[in-house]
Amino acid sequence: MNVDLFTLLVGLGALVAGFLGSLTGLGGGVVIVPLLTLGFGVDIRYAIGASLVSVIATSSAAAAAYVRDGYSNLRIGMFLEVATTLGAVGGALVASHMPVSAVAIVFGAVLLWSAYLSLRHAGEASANDKPDPLATRLKMDSSYPAPGGPVTYHVTHVPLGWGIMVIAGGLSGLLGIGSGALKVLAMDQVMRLPFKVSTTTSNFMIGVTAAASAGLYLKRGYIDPALAAPVILGVVVGAMLGTRTLVGASPSALRKIFVVVLVALGCQMIYHGISGGFARG
């Protein structure tokens, strides 16, 4: 495969990854790493480096629109970013000492568990949910725009959500992904945010999480500009398309897409973790 064809195919794959990442709040990195390592034979260390940069690009492209339109909850995002950043730095530091195949198997299991929890979801959050005292003190309760007018919601179980974010950040540093699956599930299932608020706030957060660990990969020389450039271009365009699609999408449709992507990626991660497809070179 020549360089031009390789660049084109990587860019197209990144576009799809950026679209899914923006639409579901997963972050494009969860697709980029398997795409580059399994589809194009890229060393996983360089794939993680390019993925982290792409996650930053996805977040930057999508988050601005969601914040402007009033979907993202900035107070929650900034509060939880403390947890994810701590986890991301820790995950990046231990990445070179922990077998990636083992991490891939664990992460795949987490994705499948997350999909199961999403299917068991009882319904959308509402203003009738009992607010968390900590959320009230930090003024996290808010509303988001809807066709019938602003929809008010309350935030619950803030400490538990914060703890899950530490784990999400650690996985981001280890595998070069935004860990949007855990972020969305923590906000959706534990903190009881409406699904659109969960996905958009996740998009806002994943860029900061990725930036915390990307610096360490850059220092080690694992970010190749020739590889990262088409990935960034693709995910930015895909993320912009995703933001336009999400505004008119129904929460139930988004949840179905979320579950399908989680199951597909979870099975893939477990399979290639067992077979050694993610082994470091």
Protein backbone atom coordinates (compact mmCIF):
# COMPACT_ATOMS: atom_id res chain seq x y z
CA MET A 1 0.00 0.00 0.00
CA ASN A 2 1.46 3.36 -1.05
CA VAL A 3 1.57 6.39 1.24
CA ASP A 4 -1.24 8.30 -0.52
CA LEU A 5 -3.68 5.37 -0.33
CA PHE A 6 -2.73 4.70 3.28
CA THR A 7 -3.33 8.34 4.22
CA LEU A 8 -6.69 8.40 2.43
CA LEU A 9 -7.95 5.21 4.07
CA VAL A 10 -6.79 6.31 7.51
CA GLY A 11 -8.55 9.66 7.02
CA LEU A 12 -11.81 7.99 5.97
CA GLY A 13 -11.67 5.61 8.91
CA ALA A 14 -11.00 8.52 11.25
CA LEU A 15 -14.01 10.37 9.84
CA VAL A 16 -16.29 7.48 10.83
CA ALA A 17 -14.60 7.30 14.22
CA GLY A 18 -15.10 11.03 14.80
CA PHE A 19 -18.77 10.81 13.80
CA LEU A 20 -19.47 7.94 16.20
CA GLY A 21 -17.40 9.55 18.94
CA SER A 22 -19.29 12.85 18.70
CA LEU A 23 -22.73 11.22 18.43
CA THR A 24 -22.35 8.83 21.36
CA GLY A 25 -19.86 10.66 23.58
CA LEU A 26 -17.44 7.73 23.32
CA GLY A 27 -14.62 9.66 21.73
CA GLY A 28 -13.12 8.65 18.37
CA GLY A 29 -10.11 7.01 20.01
CA VAL A 30 -12.07 3.91 20.96
CA VAL A 31 -12.33 3.18 17.21
CA ILE A 32 -9.00 4.63 16.10
CA VAL A 33 -6.76 2.27 18.11
CA PRO A 34 -8.31 -0.97 16.71
CA LEU A 35 -8.46 0.61 13.23
CA LEU A 36 -4.77 1.48 13.12
CA THR A 37 -3.39 -1.60 14.87
CA LEU A 38 -5.60 -4.29 13.35
CA GLY A 39 -6.53 -2.67 10.05
CA PHE A 40 -3.22 -1.05 9.11
CA GLY A 41 -0.64 -2.89 11.23
CA VAL A 42 0.55 0.23 13.06
CA ASP A 43 2.56 -0.33 16.25
CA ILE A 44 0.13 0.10 19.13
CA ARG A 45 2.32 2.70 20.83
CA TYR A 46 2.08 5.00 17.81
CA ALA A 47 -1.60 4.13 17.37
CA ILE A 48 -2.25 5.23 20.97
CA GLY A 49 -0.30 8.45 20.37
CA ALA A 50 -2.32 9.31 17.24
CA SER A 51 -5.52 8.28 19.01
CA LEU A 52 -4.90 10.62 21.94
CA VAL A 53 -4.35 13.54 19.57
CA SER A 54 -7.51 12.59 17.67
CA VAL A 55 -9.50 12.51 20.91
CA ILE A 56 -8.40 16.06 21.63
CA ALA A 57 -9.48 17.06 18.12
CA THR A 58 -12.84 15.30 18.48
CA SER A 59 -13.53 17.04 21.75
CA SER A 60 -12.50 20.44 20.40
CA ALA A 61 -14.68 20.10 17.31
CA ALA A 62 -17.79 18.84 19.08
CA ALA A 63 -17.63 20.46 22.50
CA ALA A 64 -17.79 24.07 21.28
CA ALA A 65 -21.10 23.48 19.50
CA TYR A 66 -22.63 21.58 22.42
CA VAL A 67 -21.60 24.26 24.93
CA ARG A 68 -22.98 27.00 22.69
CA ASP A 69 -26.31 25.21 22.31
CA GLY A 70 -26.65 24.63 26.06
CA TYR A 71 -26.38 20.83 26.16
CA SER A 72 -23.08 20.37 28.03
CA ASN A 73 -23.01 20.92 31.79
CA LEU A 74 -19.74 22.81 32.33
CA ARG A 75 -19.87 22.67 36.13
CA ILE A 76 -20.11 18.89 36.10
CA GLY A 77 -17.52 18.56 33.36
CA MET A 78 -14.89 20.65 35.13
CA PHE A 79 -15.53 18.97 38.49
CA LEU A 80 -15.21 15.47 37.04
CA GLU A 81 -12.16 16.42 34.96
CA VAL A 82 -10.11 16.55 38.16
CA ALA A 83 -10.78 12.82 38.58
CA THR A 84 -10.21 11.84 34.95
CA THR A 85 -6.99 13.85 34.67
CA LEU A 86 -5.54 12.19 37.76
CA GLY A 87 -6.48 8.79 36.36
CA ALA A 88 -5.12 9.60 32.89
CA VAL A 89 -1.70 10.62 34.19
CA GLY A 90 -1.52 7.49 36.33
CA GLY A 91 -2.62 5.27 33.44
CA ALA A 92 -0.04 6.74 31.08
CA LEU A 93 2.73 6.27 33.64
CA VAL A 94 2.02 2.55 34.09
CA ALA A 95 1.23 1.88 30.42
CA SER A 96 4.78 0.78 29.63
CA HIS A 97 4.80 -1.70 32.55
CA MET A 98 1.41 -3.40 32.05
CA PRO A 99 0.59 -5.92 29.27
CA VAL A 100 -1.73 -4.19 26.83
CA SER A 101 -3.47 -7.48 25.95
CA ALA A 102 -4.55 -7.88 29.57
CA VAL A 103 -5.84 -4.32 29.69
CA ALA A 104 -7.70 -4.86 26.41
CA ILE A 105 -9.53 -7.88 27.84
CA VAL A 106 -10.55 -5.99 30.96
CA PHE A 107 -11.62 -2.98 28.95
CA GLY A 108 -13.66 -5.15 26.58
CA ALA A 109 -15.45 -6.66 29.56
CA VAL A 110 -16.17 -3.16 30.89
CA LEU A 111 -17.65 -2.17 27.52
CA LEU A 112 -19.97 -5.20 27.51
CA TRP A 113 -21.00 -4.52 31.10
CA SER A 114 -21.69 -0.90 30.18
CA ALA A 115 -23.86 -2.01 27.27
CA TYR A 116 -25.81 -4.31 29.59
CA LEU A 117 -26.43 -1.49 32.04
CA SER A 118 -27.60 0.75 29.21
CA LEU A 119 -30.16 -1.85 28.12
CA ARG A 120 -31.47 -2.07 31.69
CA HIS A 121 -31.83 1.70 31.93
CA ALA A 122 -35.15 2.57 33.56
CA GLY A 123 -35.74 5.79 31.66
CA GLU A 124 -34.62 9.36 31.17
CA ALA A 125 -33.65 11.47 34.13
CA SER A 126 -36.15 14.09 35.21
CA ALA A 127 -36.70 16.97 37.60
CA ASN A 128 -38.37 14.48 39.99
CA ASP A 129 -35.05 12.76 40.76
CA LYS A 130 -33.81 13.49 44.29
CA PRO A 131 -30.84 15.87 44.04
CA ASP A 132 -27.48 15.13 45.68
CA PRO A 133 -26.66 17.62 48.50
CA LEU A 134 -23.14 18.03 47.09
CA ALA A 135 -24.54 18.71 43.62
CA THR A 136 -26.83 21.33 45.11
CA ARG A 137 -23.94 23.06 46.91
CA LEU A 138 -21.87 23.06 43.71
CA LYS A 139 -24.87 24.27 41.66
CA MET A 140 -24.69 21.32 39.22
CA ASP A 141 -28.45 21.03 38.64
CA SER A 142 -29.38 22.56 35.32
CA SER A 143 -31.52 22.19 32.18
CA TYR A 144 -31.04 21.51 28.49
CA PRO A 145 -32.96 22.73 25.41
CA ALA A 146 -35.76 20.61 23.95
CA PRO A 147 -38.48 21.21 21.32
CA GLY A 148 -41.06 21.77 24.07
CA GLY A 149 -38.82 24.11 26.07
CA PRO A 150 -35.96 23.70 28.59
CA VAL A 151 -35.93 20.37 30.47
CA THR A 152 -34.77 20.59 34.11
CA TYR A 153 -32.77 17.80 35.76
CA HIS A 154 -31.06 17.07 39.09
CA VAL A 155 -27.67 15.43 39.65
CA THR A 156 -27.34 12.42 42.00
CA HIS A 157 -24.54 10.30 43.58
CA VAL A 158 -21.75 12.76 42.85
CA PRO A 159 -18.98 11.00 44.91
CA LEU A 160 -19.59 7.65 43.18
CA GLY A 161 -19.56 9.29 39.77
CA TRP A 162 -16.26 11.00 40.65
CA GLY A 163 -14.72 7.66 41.60
CA ILE A 164 -15.76 6.05 38.31
CA MET A 165 -14.16 8.96 36.47
CA VAL A 166 -10.78 8.12 38.02
CA ILE A 167 -11.06 4.65 36.46
CA ALA A 168 -12.16 6.14 33.13
CA GLY A 169 -9.14 8.43 33.13
CA GLY A 170 -6.82 5.52 33.90
CA LEU A 171 -8.14 3.56 30.91
CA SER A 172 -7.65 6.63 28.74
CA GLY A 173 -3.99 6.81 29.64
CA LEU A 174 -3.49 3.06 29.19
CA LEU A 175 -5.23 2.56 25.85
CA GLY A 176 -5.19 6.00 24.25
CA ILE A 177 -8.97 6.39 24.21
CA GLY A 178 -11.33 8.99 25.60
CA SER A 179 -12.99 6.40 27.87
CA GLY A 180 -16.29 7.97 26.86
CA ALA A 181 -18.12 4.72 27.56
CA LEU A 182 -17.43 4.91 31.28
CA LYS A 183 -17.90 8.68 31.36
CA VAL A 184 -21.33 8.47 29.72
CA LEU A 185 -22.38 5.52 31.89
CA ALA A 186 -21.26 7.27 35.08
CA MET A 187 -23.24 10.39 34.24
CA ASP A 188 -26.21 8.56 32.73
CA GLN A 189 -26.63 5.63 35.12
CA VAL A 190 -25.09 6.89 38.38
CA MET A 191 -25.49 10.65 38.33
CA ARG A 192 -28.80 10.45 36.45
CA LEU A 193 -28.09 13.07 33.80
CA PRO A 194 -30.26 13.05 30.66
CA PHE A 195 -28.57 11.03 27.91
CA LYS A 196 -27.97 14.02 25.64
CA VAL A 197 -26.37 15.89 28.53
CA SER A 198 -24.20 12.85 29.35
CA THR A 199 -22.90 12.43 25.80
CA THR A 200 -22.26 16.13 25.22
CA THR A 201 -20.57 16.64 28.58
CA SER A 202 -18.45 13.55 27.87
CA ASN A 203 -17.35 15.12 24.58
CA PHE A 204 -16.35 18.24 26.48
CA MET A 205 -14.33 16.20 28.98
CA ILE A 206 -12.48 13.66 26.82
CA GLY A 207 -10.17 16.24 25.24
CA VAL A 208 -8.81 17.34 28.63
CA THR A 209 -8.39 13.72 29.72
CA ALA A 210 -6.50 12.83 26.54
CA ALA A 211 -4.29 15.92 26.77
CA ALA A 212 -3.17 14.88 30.24
CA SER A 213 -1.67 11.64 28.91
CA ALA A 214 -0.78 12.80 25.36
CA GLY A 215 2.08 14.89 26.72
CA LEU A 216 3.72 11.77 28.15
CA TYR A 217 3.39 9.91 24.84
CA LEU A 218 4.83 12.94 22.99
CA LYS A 219 7.81 12.97 25.32
CA ARG A 220 8.43 9.28 24.54
CA GLY A 221 8.31 9.96 20.78
CA TYR A 222 5.14 7.96 20.13
CA ILE A 223 3.22 10.71 18.30
CA ASP A 224 4.07 10.59 14.57
CA PRO A 225 2.86 13.73 12.71
CA ALA A 226 2.53 11.84 9.42
CA LEU A 227 0.11 9.40 11.07
CA ALA A 228 -1.64 11.88 13.33
CA ALA A 229 -2.42 14.43 10.58
CA PRO A 230 -4.98 12.38 8.56
CA VAL A 231 -6.44 11.05 11.81
CA ILE A 232 -7.02 14.57 13.15
CA LEU A 233 -8.51 15.80 9.86
CA GLY A 234 -10.88 12.84 9.67
CA VAL A 235 -12.13 13.01 13.25
CA VAL A 236 -12.70 16.77 13.10
CA VAL A 237 -14.91 16.47 10.02
CA GLY A 238 -16.69 13.44 11.50
CA ALA A 239 -17.24 15.20 14.82
CA MET A 240 -18.77 18.22 13.09
CA LEU A 241 -21.20 15.95 11.24
CA GLY A 242 -22.00 14.18 14.50
CA THR A 243 -22.91 17.40 16.32
CA ARG A 244 -25.45 18.30 13.64
CA THR A 245 -26.98 14.82 13.79
CA LEU A 246 -27.24 14.64 17.59
CA VAL A 247 -29.39 17.76 18.01
CA GLY A 248 -32.32 16.21 16.11
CA ALA A 249 -31.82 12.63 17.31
CA SER A 250 -34.04 11.00 19.93
CA PRO A 251 -32.47 9.77 23.21
CA SER A 252 -33.71 6.22 22.55
CA ALA A 253 -32.04 6.14 19.14
CA LEU A 254 -28.79 7.45 20.60
CA ARG A 255 -28.92 4.81 23.33
CA LYS A 256 -29.33 2.03 20.74
CA ILE A 257 -26.36 3.30 18.74
CA PHE A 258 -24.38 3.55 21.98
CA VAL A 259 -25.15 -0.08 22.90
CA VAL A 260 -24.37 -1.46 19.42
CA VAL A 261 -21.00 0.31 19.33
CA LEU A 262 -20.16 -0.86 22.85
CA VAL A 263 -20.97 -4.51 22.11
CA ALA A 264 -19.04 -4.52 18.83
CA LEU A 265 -15.96 -2.88 20.32
CA GLY A 266 -16.16 -4.91 23.53
CA CYS A 267 -16.17 -8.23 21.67
CA GLN A 268 -13.35 -7.02 19.42
CA MET A 269 -11.19 -5.90 22.34
CA ILE A 270 -11.65 -9.19 24.21
CA TYR A 271 -10.96 -11.32 21.13
CA HIS A 272 -7.79 -9.52 20.13
CA GLY A 273 -6.66 -9.27 23.74
CA ILE A 274 -6.86 -13.07 24.06
CA SER A 275 -5.31 -13.69 20.64
CA GLY A 276 -2.51 -11.21 21.25
CA GLY A 277 -3.67 -8.75 18.59
CA PHE A 278 -2.87 -5.83 20.88
CA ALA A 279 0.52 -7.07 22.01
CA ARG A 280 3.19 -4.40 21.96
CA GLY A 281 5.83 -4.57 19.32
